[in-house]
N, C-alpha and C. Protein backbone atom coordinates (compact mmCIF):
# COMPACT_ATOMS: atom_id res chain seq x y z
N MET A 1 -108.61 -89.16 208.90
CA MET A 1 -109.17 -89.12 207.89
C MET A 1 -108.51 -89.45 206.30
N SER A 2 -109.87 -90.82 205.90
CA SER A 2 -109.63 -90.86 204.71
C SER A 2 -109.49 -90.31 203.47
N VAL A 3 -109.20 -91.22 202.33
CA VAL A 3 -108.65 -90.28 201.17
C VAL A 3 -109.86 -89.75 200.33
N PHE A 4 -111.16 -90.37 200.31
CA PHE A 4 -112.12 -89.66 200.39
C PHE A 4 -112.55 -88.50 200.59
N ASP A 5 -112.03 -88.25 202.27
CA ASP A 5 -112.38 -87.00 202.85
C ASP A 5 -111.54 -85.69 202.34
N GLU A 6 -110.07 -86.49 202.12
CA GLU A 6 -109.07 -85.49 201.65
C GLU A 6 -108.97 -84.56 200.70
N LYS A 7 -109.96 -85.71 199.43
CA LYS A 7 -109.50 -85.84 198.19
C LYS A 7 -111.30 -85.10 197.65
N ARG A 8 -111.99 -84.79 198.29
CA ARG A 8 -113.27 -84.86 198.35
C ARG A 8 -113.12 -83.97 196.69
N THR A 9 -113.18 -82.78 196.99
CA THR A 9 -113.08 -81.73 196.02
C THR A 9 -113.04 -82.89 194.51
N GLU A 10 -111.58 -83.34 194.58
CA GLU A 10 -111.35 -83.64 193.19
C GLU A 10 -111.93 -84.60 192.75
N LEU A 11 -112.18 -85.68 194.05
CA LEU A 11 -112.92 -86.49 193.38
C LEU A 11 -114.40 -86.46 192.95
N GLU A 12 -114.55 -85.13 193.43
CA GLU A 12 -116.41 -84.89 193.00
C GLU A 12 -116.04 -84.36 191.59
N ARG A 13 -115.38 -83.43 191.15
CA ARG A 13 -114.76 -83.11 189.79
C ARG A 13 -114.50 -84.01 188.90
N PHE A 14 -113.46 -85.22 189.40
CA PHE A 14 -113.35 -85.97 188.25
C PHE A 14 -114.49 -86.98 187.82
N GLU A 15 -115.21 -87.55 189.18
CA GLU A 15 -116.69 -87.95 188.87
C GLU A 15 -117.21 -87.89 188.20
N PHE A 16 -117.63 -86.02 188.41
CA PHE A 16 -118.42 -85.57 187.21
C PHE A 16 -118.04 -85.93 185.94
N MET A 17 -117.11 -85.75 185.20
CA MET A 17 -116.46 -85.23 184.32
C MET A 17 -116.24 -86.66 183.50
N MET A 18 -115.63 -87.47 184.46
CA MET A 18 -115.67 -88.93 183.60
C MET A 18 -115.87 -89.93 184.64
N GLY A 19 -117.02 -90.05 184.89
CA GLY A 19 -117.46 -91.02 186.01
C GLY A 19 -117.27 -91.76 187.04
N VAL A 20 -117.94 -92.40 188.11
CA VAL A 20 -117.09 -92.76 188.88
C VAL A 20 -115.73 -93.75 188.87
N GLU A 21 -116.11 -94.29 188.15
CA GLU A 21 -114.55 -95.62 188.08
C GLU A 21 -113.60 -94.42 187.42
N ARG A 22 -113.78 -93.84 186.52
CA ARG A 22 -112.68 -93.09 186.34
C ARG A 22 -112.16 -91.88 186.67
N GLY A 23 -113.32 -91.47 187.12
CA GLY A 23 -112.95 -90.79 188.08
C GLY A 23 -112.20 -90.56 188.90
N ARG A 24 -112.40 -92.02 189.59
CA ARG A 24 -111.56 -92.06 191.05
C ARG A 24 -110.25 -92.79 190.59
N LEU A 25 -110.19 -93.43 189.10
CA LEU A 25 -108.59 -93.78 188.77
C LEU A 25 -108.10 -92.66 188.63
N ALA A 26 -108.83 -91.56 188.21
CA ALA A 26 -108.13 -90.22 187.86
C ALA A 26 -106.83 -89.86 188.80
N VAL A 27 -107.82 -89.58 190.33
CA VAL A 27 -107.36 -89.42 191.13
C VAL A 27 -106.61 -90.16 191.57
N ALA A 28 -106.46 -91.15 191.84
CA ALA A 28 -105.31 -92.15 192.19
C ALA A 28 -104.34 -91.97 191.28
N LEU A 29 -104.54 -91.65 190.18
CA LEU A 29 -103.03 -91.83 189.34
C LEU A 29 -102.34 -90.38 189.68
N ASP A 30 -103.57 -89.14 189.85
CA ASP A 30 -102.84 -88.12 190.25
C ASP A 30 -102.11 -88.42 191.49
N LEU A 31 -102.55 -88.87 192.72
CA LEU A 31 -101.98 -89.01 193.54
C LEU A 31 -100.32 -89.73 193.78
N LEU A 32 -100.84 -90.95 192.83
CA LEU A 32 -99.54 -91.50 192.68
C LEU A 32 -98.41 -91.01 191.71
N THR A 33 -98.96 -89.60 190.67
CA THR A 33 -97.87 -88.95 190.07
C THR A 33 -97.22 -88.08 191.29
N ASP A 34 -97.90 -87.39 191.93
CA ASP A 34 -97.40 -86.51 193.41
C ASP A 34 -96.68 -87.23 193.94
N SER A 35 -97.01 -88.64 194.48
CA SER A 35 -95.68 -89.30 195.21
C SER A 35 -94.64 -89.41 194.84
N LEU A 36 -94.36 -90.38 193.23
CA LEU A 36 -93.25 -90.53 192.48
C LEU A 36 -92.81 -89.36 191.96
N ILE A 37 -93.41 -88.07 192.43
CA ILE A 37 -92.23 -86.41 191.93
C ILE A 37 -91.68 -86.53 193.68
N LEU A 38 -92.25 -86.27 194.62
CA LEU A 38 -91.75 -86.71 196.14
C LEU A 38 -90.99 -87.56 196.59
N VAL A 39 -90.69 -89.04 196.16
CA VAL A 39 -89.89 -89.80 195.92
C VAL A 39 -88.65 -89.72 194.80
N GLY A 40 -88.93 -88.88 193.59
CA GLY A 40 -87.75 -88.66 193.30
C GLY A 40 -87.00 -87.18 193.80
N GLN A 41 -87.68 -86.41 194.62
CA GLN A 41 -86.90 -85.45 195.20
C GLN A 41 -86.14 -86.16 196.20
N HIS A 42 -86.22 -87.06 196.71
CA HIS A 42 -85.86 -87.67 197.85
C HIS A 42 -84.84 -88.56 197.23
N GLY A 43 -84.89 -89.24 196.63
CA GLY A 43 -83.67 -89.82 195.84
C GLY A 43 -82.50 -88.88 195.18
N VAL A 44 -82.92 -88.21 195.41
CA VAL A 44 -81.32 -86.84 195.05
C VAL A 44 -80.47 -87.00 196.46
N TYR A 45 -80.87 -86.80 197.12
CA TYR A 45 -80.34 -86.68 198.48
C TYR A 45 -79.99 -88.42 199.22
N CYS A 46 -80.51 -89.06 198.26
CA CYS A 46 -80.18 -90.86 198.96
C CYS A 46 -80.08 -91.64 197.76
N ALA A 47 -78.76 -91.89 197.76
CA ALA A 47 -78.05 -91.93 196.36
C ALA A 47 -77.32 -92.98 196.58
N SER A 48 -77.39 -94.01 195.35
CA SER A 48 -76.50 -95.03 195.57
C SER A 48 -75.58 -95.13 196.28
N SER A 49 -75.15 -95.88 196.67
CA SER A 49 -73.42 -95.77 197.00
C SER A 49 -72.51 -96.37 195.92
N ARG A 50 -72.79 -97.70 195.38
CA ARG A 50 -72.69 -98.13 194.11
C ARG A 50 -72.25 -96.67 192.46
N ASN A 51 -73.54 -96.23 192.47
CA ASN A 51 -73.98 -95.53 191.76
C ASN A 51 -74.42 -94.29 191.73
N PRO A 52 -73.95 -93.17 192.11
CA PRO A 52 -74.55 -91.85 192.78
C PRO A 52 -75.53 -91.03 191.97
N ALA A 53 -75.21 -91.95 190.53
CA ALA A 53 -75.97 -91.19 189.57
C ALA A 53 -77.40 -91.83 190.00
N LYS A 54 -77.82 -92.67 190.38
CA LYS A 54 -79.37 -93.61 190.66
C LYS A 54 -79.38 -93.19 192.56
N PRO A 55 -80.71 -93.40 192.35
CA PRO A 55 -81.22 -93.21 193.69
C PRO A 55 -81.49 -94.78 194.64
N ALA A 56 -81.28 -94.32 195.94
CA ALA A 56 -80.34 -95.90 196.45
C ALA A 56 -81.74 -96.71 196.17
N LEU A 57 -81.35 -98.25 196.46
CA LEU A 57 -81.81 -99.55 195.66
C LEU A 57 -83.72 -99.61 195.97
N ASP A 58 -83.26 -99.02 197.41
CA ASP A 58 -84.50 -99.20 198.15
C ASP A 58 -85.82 -98.42 197.25
N LEU A 59 -85.27 -97.23 196.78
CA LEU A 59 -85.98 -96.29 196.21
C LEU A 59 -86.49 -96.37 194.72
N GLN A 60 -85.33 -97.35 194.25
CA GLN A 60 -85.56 -97.66 192.96
C GLN A 60 -86.70 -98.30 192.93
N ALA A 61 -86.56 -99.54 193.75
CA ALA A 61 -87.76 -100.25 194.00
C ALA A 61 -88.88 -99.71 194.06
N VAL A 62 -89.50 -98.77 194.99
CA VAL A 62 -90.39 -98.04 195.21
C VAL A 62 -90.58 -97.44 193.97
N LEU A 63 -90.20 -96.43 193.04
CA LEU A 63 -90.23 -96.20 192.01
C LEU A 63 -90.48 -96.59 190.98
N ALA A 64 -90.26 -97.91 190.66
CA ALA A 64 -90.75 -99.00 189.69
C ALA A 64 -91.83 -99.58 190.23
N GLY A 65 -92.05 -99.85 191.44
CA GLY A 65 -93.36 -100.10 191.70
C GLY A 65 -94.41 -99.21 191.40
N MET A 66 -94.21 -98.11 191.84
CA MET A 66 -95.75 -97.03 191.56
C MET A 66 -95.25 -96.44 190.19
N GLU A 67 -94.67 -96.71 189.41
CA GLU A 67 -94.59 -96.72 187.57
C GLU A 67 -95.34 -97.59 187.56
N GLY A 68 -95.49 -98.85 187.65
CA GLY A 68 -95.71 -99.92 187.49
C GLY A 68 -97.03 -99.84 187.80
N ALA A 69 -98.11 -99.32 188.68
CA ALA A 69 -98.98 -99.07 189.27
C ALA A 69 -99.94 -97.97 188.67
N LYS A 70 -98.92 -97.02 187.93
CA LYS A 70 -99.39 -96.11 187.55
C LYS A 70 -99.62 -96.42 185.94
N ALA A 71 -98.83 -97.21 185.32
CA ALA A 71 -99.25 -98.03 184.22
C ALA A 71 -100.30 -98.65 184.17
N LEU A 72 -100.65 -99.16 185.38
CA LEU A 72 -101.97 -100.57 185.04
C LEU A 72 -103.31 -99.21 185.02
N ILE A 73 -103.27 -98.67 186.07
CA ILE A 73 -104.32 -97.39 186.10
C ILE A 73 -104.68 -97.05 185.07
N GLN A 74 -103.19 -96.23 184.45
CA GLN A 74 -103.66 -95.76 182.80
C GLN A 74 -104.10 -97.11 182.05
N SER A 75 -103.82 -98.23 181.93
CA SER A 75 -104.39 -99.38 180.82
C SER A 75 -106.19 -99.47 181.17
N VAL A 76 -106.19 -99.16 182.85
CA VAL A 76 -107.54 -99.75 183.17
C VAL A 76 -108.41 -98.15 182.57
N MET A 77 -107.85 -97.25 182.99
CA MET A 77 -108.62 -96.20 182.00
C MET A 77 -108.82 -95.71 180.79
N GLU A 78 -108.22 -96.22 179.65
CA GLU A 78 -108.22 -96.58 178.35
C GLU A 78 -109.25 -97.72 178.30
N GLU A 79 -109.10 -98.96 179.17
CA GLU A 79 -110.50 -100.00 178.50
C GLU A 79 -111.63 -99.19 178.91
N LEU A 80 -111.74 -98.38 180.14
CA LEU A 80 -113.29 -98.03 180.24
C LEU A 80 -113.35 -96.91 179.73
N ARG A 81 -112.79 -95.87 179.20
CA ARG A 81 -112.79 -95.44 177.84
C ARG A 81 -113.51 -95.95 176.60
N ALA A 82 -112.25 -97.00 176.23
CA ALA A 82 -113.03 -97.96 174.67
C ALA A 82 -114.07 -98.36 175.02
N GLN A 83 -114.42 -99.17 176.50
CA GLN A 83 -115.64 -99.81 176.39
C GLN A 83 -117.05 -98.80 176.38
N LYS A 84 -117.09 -97.51 176.82
CA LYS A 84 -117.74 -96.22 176.75
C LYS A 84 -118.18 -96.15 176.15
N ALA A 85 -116.73 -95.95 174.81
CA ALA A 85 -116.95 -95.38 173.55
C ALA A 85 -117.82 -96.46 172.38
N GLY A 86 -117.52 -97.71 172.82
CA GLY A 86 -117.97 -98.96 171.90
C GLY A 86 -119.36 -98.97 172.30
N ASN A 87 -120.29 -98.52 173.42
CA ASN A 87 -121.54 -98.52 173.70
C ASN A 87 -122.37 -97.54 172.90
N ARG A 88 -121.60 -96.56 172.52
CA ARG A 88 -121.82 -95.39 172.07
C ARG A 88 -122.65 -95.78 170.47
N GLU A 89 -121.48 -96.33 169.95
CA GLU A 89 -121.70 -97.07 168.60
C GLU A 89 -123.00 -97.36 168.56
């Protein structure tokens, strides 16, 4: 089953509120946020042997990549919003 089938309700709601592009980015952002939470919870149980206060190095890399992707998506959403606001003027 594809993400378009699994998240049909959320996609329809966000696409209606924000437009297709921003709506899909919003759903992607929600998916990333949910994944970050799950990986963060997993990191509690897979602590680094060097520094028990931090998750294992592989989880740190996954978290960093996901945080970066989230920041990129947020920046694209802001650019689209700014472009839409500029077109209204």
